[in-house]
Amino acid sequence: MTENILWRLFSHNNWSNLQLIEACSALSDEQLDAKPSSASTWNICITLIHLVECQQGYLSLLTLPPEAREKAELSFAELKESAKASGEGLLALARDAQGTWLDARLRTMDGYFVEPWVVMNQAVHHATEHRRQIGDMLRALGVTPPRLDGWSFGEASGALVPTATDPNGD
């Protein structure tokens, strides 16, 4: 089976972000703004906004020259659409994993040159870390966070099925 693994990883990342935004959309303002009981100083709302703003920033770094990059400032209401749009942009890059966009180092706004694969890696890692933090904050509030691991995505996408329902009949 020939498959673009990078595209699958970003599909999982986008699915996870959107699942978490959906779950957090059901919270009250008091829950979203609750001071965390952990070492984190950011609440759920701030952490989720940061996650999505950074995803937009990673996409901009990968696709725009420095002078065209703008820092996003989002409200909670804008998260789902923004996460979806920037997630689709990263998916498009992942789909073209052999493209010329991988050939050149990128210039950051803080004085570095970086290879595109580092930015792609950081986009997934950064989101995973903040999703875990938000999951911990949800648990502290007595709210069960959504299951966002690879197995859950496999089930949701039909790539992991019980043997009794195996479409290949094995």
C-alpha atoms as a PDB file:
ATOM      1  CA  MET A   1       0.000   0.000   0.000  1.00  0.00           C
ATOM      2  CA  THR A   2       1.458   3.332  -1.076  1.00  0.00           C
ATOM      3  CA  GLU A   3       0.351   5.993   1.332  1.00  0.00           C
ATOM      4  CA  ASN A   4       1.463   9.449   2.371  1.00  0.00           C
ATOM      5  CA  ILE A   5       2.222   8.947   6.066  1.00  0.00           C
ATOM      6  CA  LEU A   6       2.906  12.657   6.613  1.00  0.00           C
ATOM      7  CA  TRP A   7      -0.579  13.450   5.298  1.00  0.00           C
ATOM      8  CA  ARG A   8      -2.060  10.891   7.719  1.00  0.00           C
ATOM      9  CA  LEU A   9      -0.178  12.429  10.643  1.00  0.00           C
ATOM     10  CA  PHE A  10      -1.538  15.862   9.796  1.00  0.00           C
ATOM     11  CA  SER A  11      -5.015  14.413   9.278  1.00  0.00           C
ATOM     12  CA  HIS A  12      -4.839  13.069  12.832  1.00  0.00           C
ATOM     13  CA  ASN A  13      -3.517  16.399  14.102  1.00  0.00           C
ATOM     14  CA  ASN A  14      -6.373  18.325  12.472  1.00  0.00           C
ATOM     15  CA  TRP A  15      -9.009  15.832  13.622  1.00  0.00           C
ATOM     16  CA  SER A  16      -7.676  16.026  17.181  1.00  0.00           C
ATOM     17  CA  ASN A  17      -7.647  19.819  17.226  1.00  0.00           C
ATOM     18  CA  LEU A  18     -11.202  20.022  15.913  1.00  0.00           C
ATOM     19  CA  GLN A  19     -12.440  17.349  18.340  1.00  0.00           C
ATOM     20  CA  LEU A  20     -10.946  19.270  21.241  1.00  0.00           C
ATOM     21  CA  ILE A  21     -12.357  22.607  20.078  1.00  0.00           C
ATOM     22  CA  GLU A  22     -15.777  20.978  19.755  1.00  0.00           C
ATOM     23  CA  ALA A  23     -15.549  19.508  23.262  1.00  0.00           C
ATOM     24  CA  CYS A  24     -14.406  22.811  24.734  1.00  0.00           C
ATOM     25  CA  SER A  25     -17.199  24.678  22.947  1.00  0.00           C
ATOM     26  CA  ALA A  26     -19.626  22.906  25.277  1.00  0.00           C
ATOM     27  CA  LEU A  27     -17.919  24.361  28.371  1.00  0.00           C
ATOM     28  CA  SER A  28     -19.163  27.365  30.286  1.00  0.00           C
ATOM     29  CA  ASP A  29     -17.159  30.590  30.298  1.00  0.00           C
ATOM     30  CA  GLU A  30     -16.320  29.833  33.930  1.00  0.00           C
ATOM     31  CA  GLN A  31     -14.833  26.462  32.947  1.00  0.00           C
ATOM     32  CA  LEU A  32     -12.925  27.907  29.991  1.00  0.00           C
ATOM     33  CA  ASP A  33     -11.416  30.604  32.181  1.00  0.00           C
ATOM     34  CA  ALA A  34     -10.800  28.478  35.299  1.00  0.00           C
ATOM     35  CA  LYS A  35      -7.340  28.839  36.786  1.00  0.00           C
ATOM     36  CA  PRO A  36      -5.553  25.537  36.215  1.00  0.00           C
ATOM     37  CA  SER A  37      -4.518  23.488  39.231  1.00  0.00           C
ATOM     38  CA  SER A  38      -1.349  22.451  37.403  1.00  0.00           C
ATOM     39  CA  ALA A  39       1.942  24.242  36.840  1.00  0.00           C
ATOM     40  CA  SER A  40       0.457  25.867  33.733  1.00  0.00           C
ATOM     41  CA  THR A  41      -0.511  29.502  34.083  1.00  0.00           C
ATOM     42  CA  TRP A  42      -2.809  29.445  31.061  1.00  0.00           C
ATOM     43  CA  ASN A  43      -6.428  28.374  31.286  1.00  0.00           C
ATOM     44  CA  ILE A  44      -8.245  26.239  28.702  1.00  0.00           C
ATOM     45  CA  CYS A  45      -9.368  29.207  26.613  1.00  0.00           C
ATOM     46  CA  ILE A  46      -5.940  30.840  26.407  1.00  0.00           C
ATOM     47  CA  THR A  47      -4.188  27.526  25.709  1.00  0.00           C
ATOM     48  CA  LEU A  48      -6.603  26.614  22.922  1.00  0.00           C
ATOM     49  CA  ILE A  49      -6.326  30.053  21.310  1.00  0.00           C
ATOM     50  CA  HIS A  50      -2.520  29.802  21.527  1.00  0.00           C
ATOM     51  CA  LEU A  51      -2.562  26.350  19.896  1.00  0.00           C
ATOM     52  CA  VAL A  52      -4.565  27.587  16.899  1.00  0.00           C
ATOM     53  CA  GLU A  53      -2.703  30.893  16.528  1.00  0.00           C
ATOM     54  CA  CYS A  54       0.583  28.972  16.434  1.00  0.00           C
ATOM     55  CA  GLN A  55      -0.787  26.557  13.844  1.00  0.00           C
ATOM     56  CA  GLN A  56      -1.586  29.566  11.673  1.00  0.00           C
ATOM     57  CA  GLY A  57       1.928  30.856  12.307  1.00  0.00           C
ATOM     58  CA  TYR A  58       3.528  27.561  11.257  1.00  0.00           C
ATOM     59  CA  LEU A  59       1.520  27.590   8.039  1.00  0.00           C
ATOM     60  CA  SER A  60       2.556  31.207   7.366  1.00  0.00           C
ATOM     61  CA  LEU A  61       6.206  30.361   8.002  1.00  0.00           C
ATOM     62  CA  LEU A  62       5.962  27.518   5.493  1.00  0.00           C
ATOM     63  CA  THR A  63       4.093  29.437   2.797  1.00  0.00           C
ATOM     64  CA  LEU A  64       4.765  33.173   3.053  1.00  0.00           C
ATOM     65  CA  PRO A  65       7.824  35.417   2.942  1.00  0.00           C
ATOM     66  CA  PRO A  66       8.584  37.090   6.289  1.00  0.00           C
ATOM     67  CA  GLU A  67       7.204  40.477   5.244  1.00  0.00           C
ATOM     68  CA  ALA A  68       3.801  38.953   4.413  1.00  0.00           C
ATOM     69  CA  ARG A  69       3.365  37.075   7.711  1.00  0.00           C
ATOM     70  CA  GLU A  70       0.876  38.513  10.156  1.00  0.00           C
ATOM     71  CA  LYS A  71       0.344  37.402  13.723  1.00  0.00           C
ATOM     72  CA  ALA A  72      -3.189  36.185  14.210  1.00  0.00           C
ATOM     73  CA  GLU A  73      -5.173  37.304  17.227  1.00  0.00           C
ATOM     74  CA  LEU A  74      -8.210  35.080  17.561  1.00  0.00           C
ATOM     75  CA  SER A  75     -11.256  34.981  19.747  1.00  0.00           C
ATOM     76  CA  PHE A  76     -12.647  31.710  21.068  1.00  0.00           C
ATOM     77  CA  ALA A  77     -15.527  31.980  18.583  1.00  0.00           C
ATOM     78  CA  GLU A  78     -13.078  32.017  15.654  1.00  0.00           C
ATOM     79  CA  LEU A  79     -11.115  28.915  16.701  1.00  0.00           C
ATOM     80  CA  LYS A  80     -12.940  26.212  14.794  1.00  0.00           C
ATOM     81  CA  GLU A  81     -12.850  27.958  11.414  1.00  0.00           C
ATOM     82  CA  SER A  82      -9.270  29.098  11.884  1.00  0.00           C
ATOM     83  CA  ALA A  83      -8.092  25.635  12.964  1.00  0.00           C
ATOM     84  CA  LYS A  84      -9.890  24.096  10.017  1.00  0.00           C
ATOM     85  CA  ALA A  85      -8.409  26.548   7.478  1.00  0.00           C
ATOM     86  CA  SER A  86      -4.830  26.401   8.764  1.00  0.00           C
ATOM     87  CA  GLY A  87      -5.119  22.636   9.225  1.00  0.00           C
ATOM     88  CA  GLU A  88      -6.194  22.236   5.603  1.00  0.00           C
ATOM     89  CA  GLY A  89      -3.241  24.373   4.540  1.00  0.00           C
ATOM     90  CA  LEU A  90      -0.814  22.127   6.403  1.00  0.00           C
ATOM     91  CA  LEU A  91      -2.555  19.065   4.958  1.00  0.00           C
ATOM     92  CA  ALA A  92      -2.065  20.435   1.450  1.00  0.00           C
ATOM     93  CA  LEU A  93       1.662  20.773   2.133  1.00  0.00           C
ATOM     94  CA  ALA A  94       1.801  17.273   3.612  1.00  0.00           C
ATOM     95  CA  ARG A  95      -0.018  15.908   0.566  1.00  0.00           C
ATOM     96  CA  ASP A  96       2.771  17.374  -1.587  1.00  0.00           C
ATOM     97  CA  ALA A  97       5.543  15.850   0.549  1.00  0.00           C
ATOM     98  CA  GLN A  98       7.855  15.579  -2.463  1.00  0.00           C
ATOM     99  CA  GLY A  99       7.238  19.173  -3.543  1.00  0.00           C
ATOM    100  CA  THR A 100       9.747  21.928  -4.026  1.00  0.00           C
ATOM    101  CA  TRP A 101       8.506  23.678  -0.870  1.00  0.00           C
ATOM    102  CA  LEU A 102      10.785  21.285   1.039  1.00  0.00           C
ATOM    103  CA  ASP A 103      13.938  22.398  -0.778  1.00  0.00           C
ATOM    104  CA  ALA A 104      14.663  25.787   0.742  1.00  0.00           C
ATOM    105  CA  ARG A 105      15.418  26.898   4.261  1.00  0.00           C
ATOM    106  CA  LEU A 106      12.943  29.355   5.687  1.00  0.00           C
ATOM    107  CA  ARG A 107      13.755  32.596   7.466  1.00  0.00           C
ATOM    108  CA  THR A 108      12.038  33.055  10.800  1.00  0.00           C
ATOM    109  CA  MET A 109      11.082  36.416  12.269  1.00  0.00           C
ATOM    110  CA  ASP A 110      13.439  35.883  15.215  1.00  0.00           C
ATOM    111  CA  GLY A 111      16.711  35.446  13.338  1.00  0.00           C
ATOM    112  CA  TYR A 112      16.925  31.798  12.294  1.00  0.00           C
ATOM    113  CA  PHE A 113      16.951  29.747   9.144  1.00  0.00           C
ATOM    114  CA  VAL A 114      14.980  26.533   9.467  1.00  0.00           C
ATOM    115  CA  GLU A 115      14.297  23.564   7.232  1.00  0.00           C
ATOM    116  CA  PRO A 116      10.598  22.986   6.490  1.00  0.00           C
ATOM    117  CA  TRP A 117      10.521  19.515   8.047  1.00  0.00           C
ATOM    118  CA  VAL A 118      11.414  21.058  11.419  1.00  0.00           C
ATOM    119  CA  VAL A 119       8.392  23.357  11.208  1.00  0.00           C
ATOM    120  CA  MET A 120       6.095  20.472  10.244  1.00  0.00           C
ATOM    121  CA  ASN A 121       7.437  18.410  13.140  1.00  0.00           C
ATOM    122  CA  GLN A 122       6.988  21.304  15.554  1.00  0.00           C
ATOM    123  CA  ALA A 123       3.411  21.931  14.385  1.00  0.00           C
ATOM    124  CA  VAL A 124       2.374  18.400  15.371  1.00  0.00           C
ATOM    125  CA  HIS A 125       4.442  18.273  18.552  1.00  0.00           C
ATOM    126  CA  HIS A 126       3.243  21.684  19.753  1.00  0.00           C
ATOM    127  CA  ALA A 127      -0.413  20.818  19.224  1.00  0.00           C
ATOM    128  CA  THR A 128      -0.011  17.448  20.949  1.00  0.00           C
ATOM    129  CA  GLU A 129       1.569  19.033  24.019  1.00  0.00           C
ATOM    130  CA  HIS A 130      -1.175  21.640  24.388  1.00  0.00           C
ATOM    131  CA  ARG A 131      -3.958  19.118  23.769  1.00  0.00           C
ATOM    132  CA  ARG A 132      -2.520  17.062  26.629  1.00  0.00           C
ATOM    133  CA  GLN A 133      -2.455  20.137  28.883  1.00  0.00           C
ATOM    134  CA  ILE A 134      -6.070  20.939  28.056  1.00  0.00           C
ATOM    135  CA  GLY A 135      -7.037  17.312  28.678  1.00  0.00           C
ATOM    136  CA  ASP A 136      -5.470  17.552  32.147  1.00  0.00           C
ATOM    137  CA  MET A 137      -7.344  20.800  32.839  1.00  0.00           C
ATOM    138  CA  LEU A 138     -10.617  19.215  31.717  1.00  0.00           C
ATOM    139  CA  ARG A 139     -10.061  16.246  34.051  1.00  0.00           C
ATOM    140  CA  ALA A 140      -9.365  18.650  36.935  1.00  0.00           C
ATOM    141  CA  LEU A 141     -12.777  20.210  36.238  1.00  0.00           C
ATOM    142  CA  GLY A 142     -14.412  16.768  36.298  1.00  0.00           C
ATOM    143  CA  VAL A 143     -14.923  16.764  32.524  1.00  0.00           C
ATOM    144  CA  THR A 144     -13.873  13.730  30.497  1.00  0.00           C
ATOM    145  CA  PRO A 145     -11.757  14.917  27.577  1.00  0.00           C
ATOM    146  CA  PRO A 146     -12.284  13.436  24.121  1.00  0.00           C
ATOM    147  CA  ARG A 147     -10.082  10.514  23.149  1.00  0.00           C
ATOM    148  CA  LEU A 148      -7.566  11.990  20.695  1.00  0.00           C
ATOM    149  CA  ASP A 149      -4.925   9.293  20.410  1.00  0.00           C
ATOM    150  CA  GLY A 150      -3.933   7.512  17.211  1.00  0.00           C
ATOM    151  CA  TRP A 151      -6.132   4.495  17.987  1.00  0.00           C
ATOM    152  CA  SER A 152      -9.196   6.719  18.329  1.00  0.00           C
ATOM    153  CA  PHE A 153      -8.408   8.445  15.044  1.00  0.00           C
ATOM    154  CA  GLY A 154      -7.950   5.037  13.430  1.00  0.00           C
ATOM    155  CA  GLU A 155     -11.412   4.042  14.621  1.00  0.00           C
ATOM    156  CA  ALA A 156     -12.965   7.333  13.529  1.00  0.00           C
ATOM    157  CA  SER A 157     -11.405   7.106  10.065  1.00  0.00           C
ATOM    158  CA  GLY A 158     -12.222   3.427   9.528  1.00  0.00           C
ATOM    159  CA  ALA A 159      -8.570   2.363   9.609  1.00  0.00           C
ATOM    160  CA  LEU A 160      -9.025   0.383  12.839  1.00  0.00           C
ATOM    161  CA  VAL A 161     -11.989  -1.982  12.888  1.00  0.00           C
ATOM    162  CA  PRO A 162     -12.918  -4.979  15.034  1.00  0.00           C
ATOM    163  CA  THR A 163     -12.056  -8.292  13.404  1.00  0.00           C
ATOM    164  CA  ALA A 164     -15.740  -9.252  13.319  1.00  0.00           C
ATOM    165  CA  THR A 165     -16.350  -6.362  10.913  1.00  0.00           C
ATOM    166  CA  ASP A 166     -13.105  -6.538   8.902  1.00  0.00           C
ATOM    167  CA  PRO A 167     -14.035  -5.407   5.369  1.00  0.00           C
ATOM    168  CA  ASN A 168     -11.442  -7.797   3.915  1.00  0.00           C
ATOM    169  CA  GLY A 169     -13.178 -10.784   5.531  1.00  0.00           C
ATOM    170  CA  ASP A 170      -9.993 -11.857   7.335  1.00  0.00           C
END
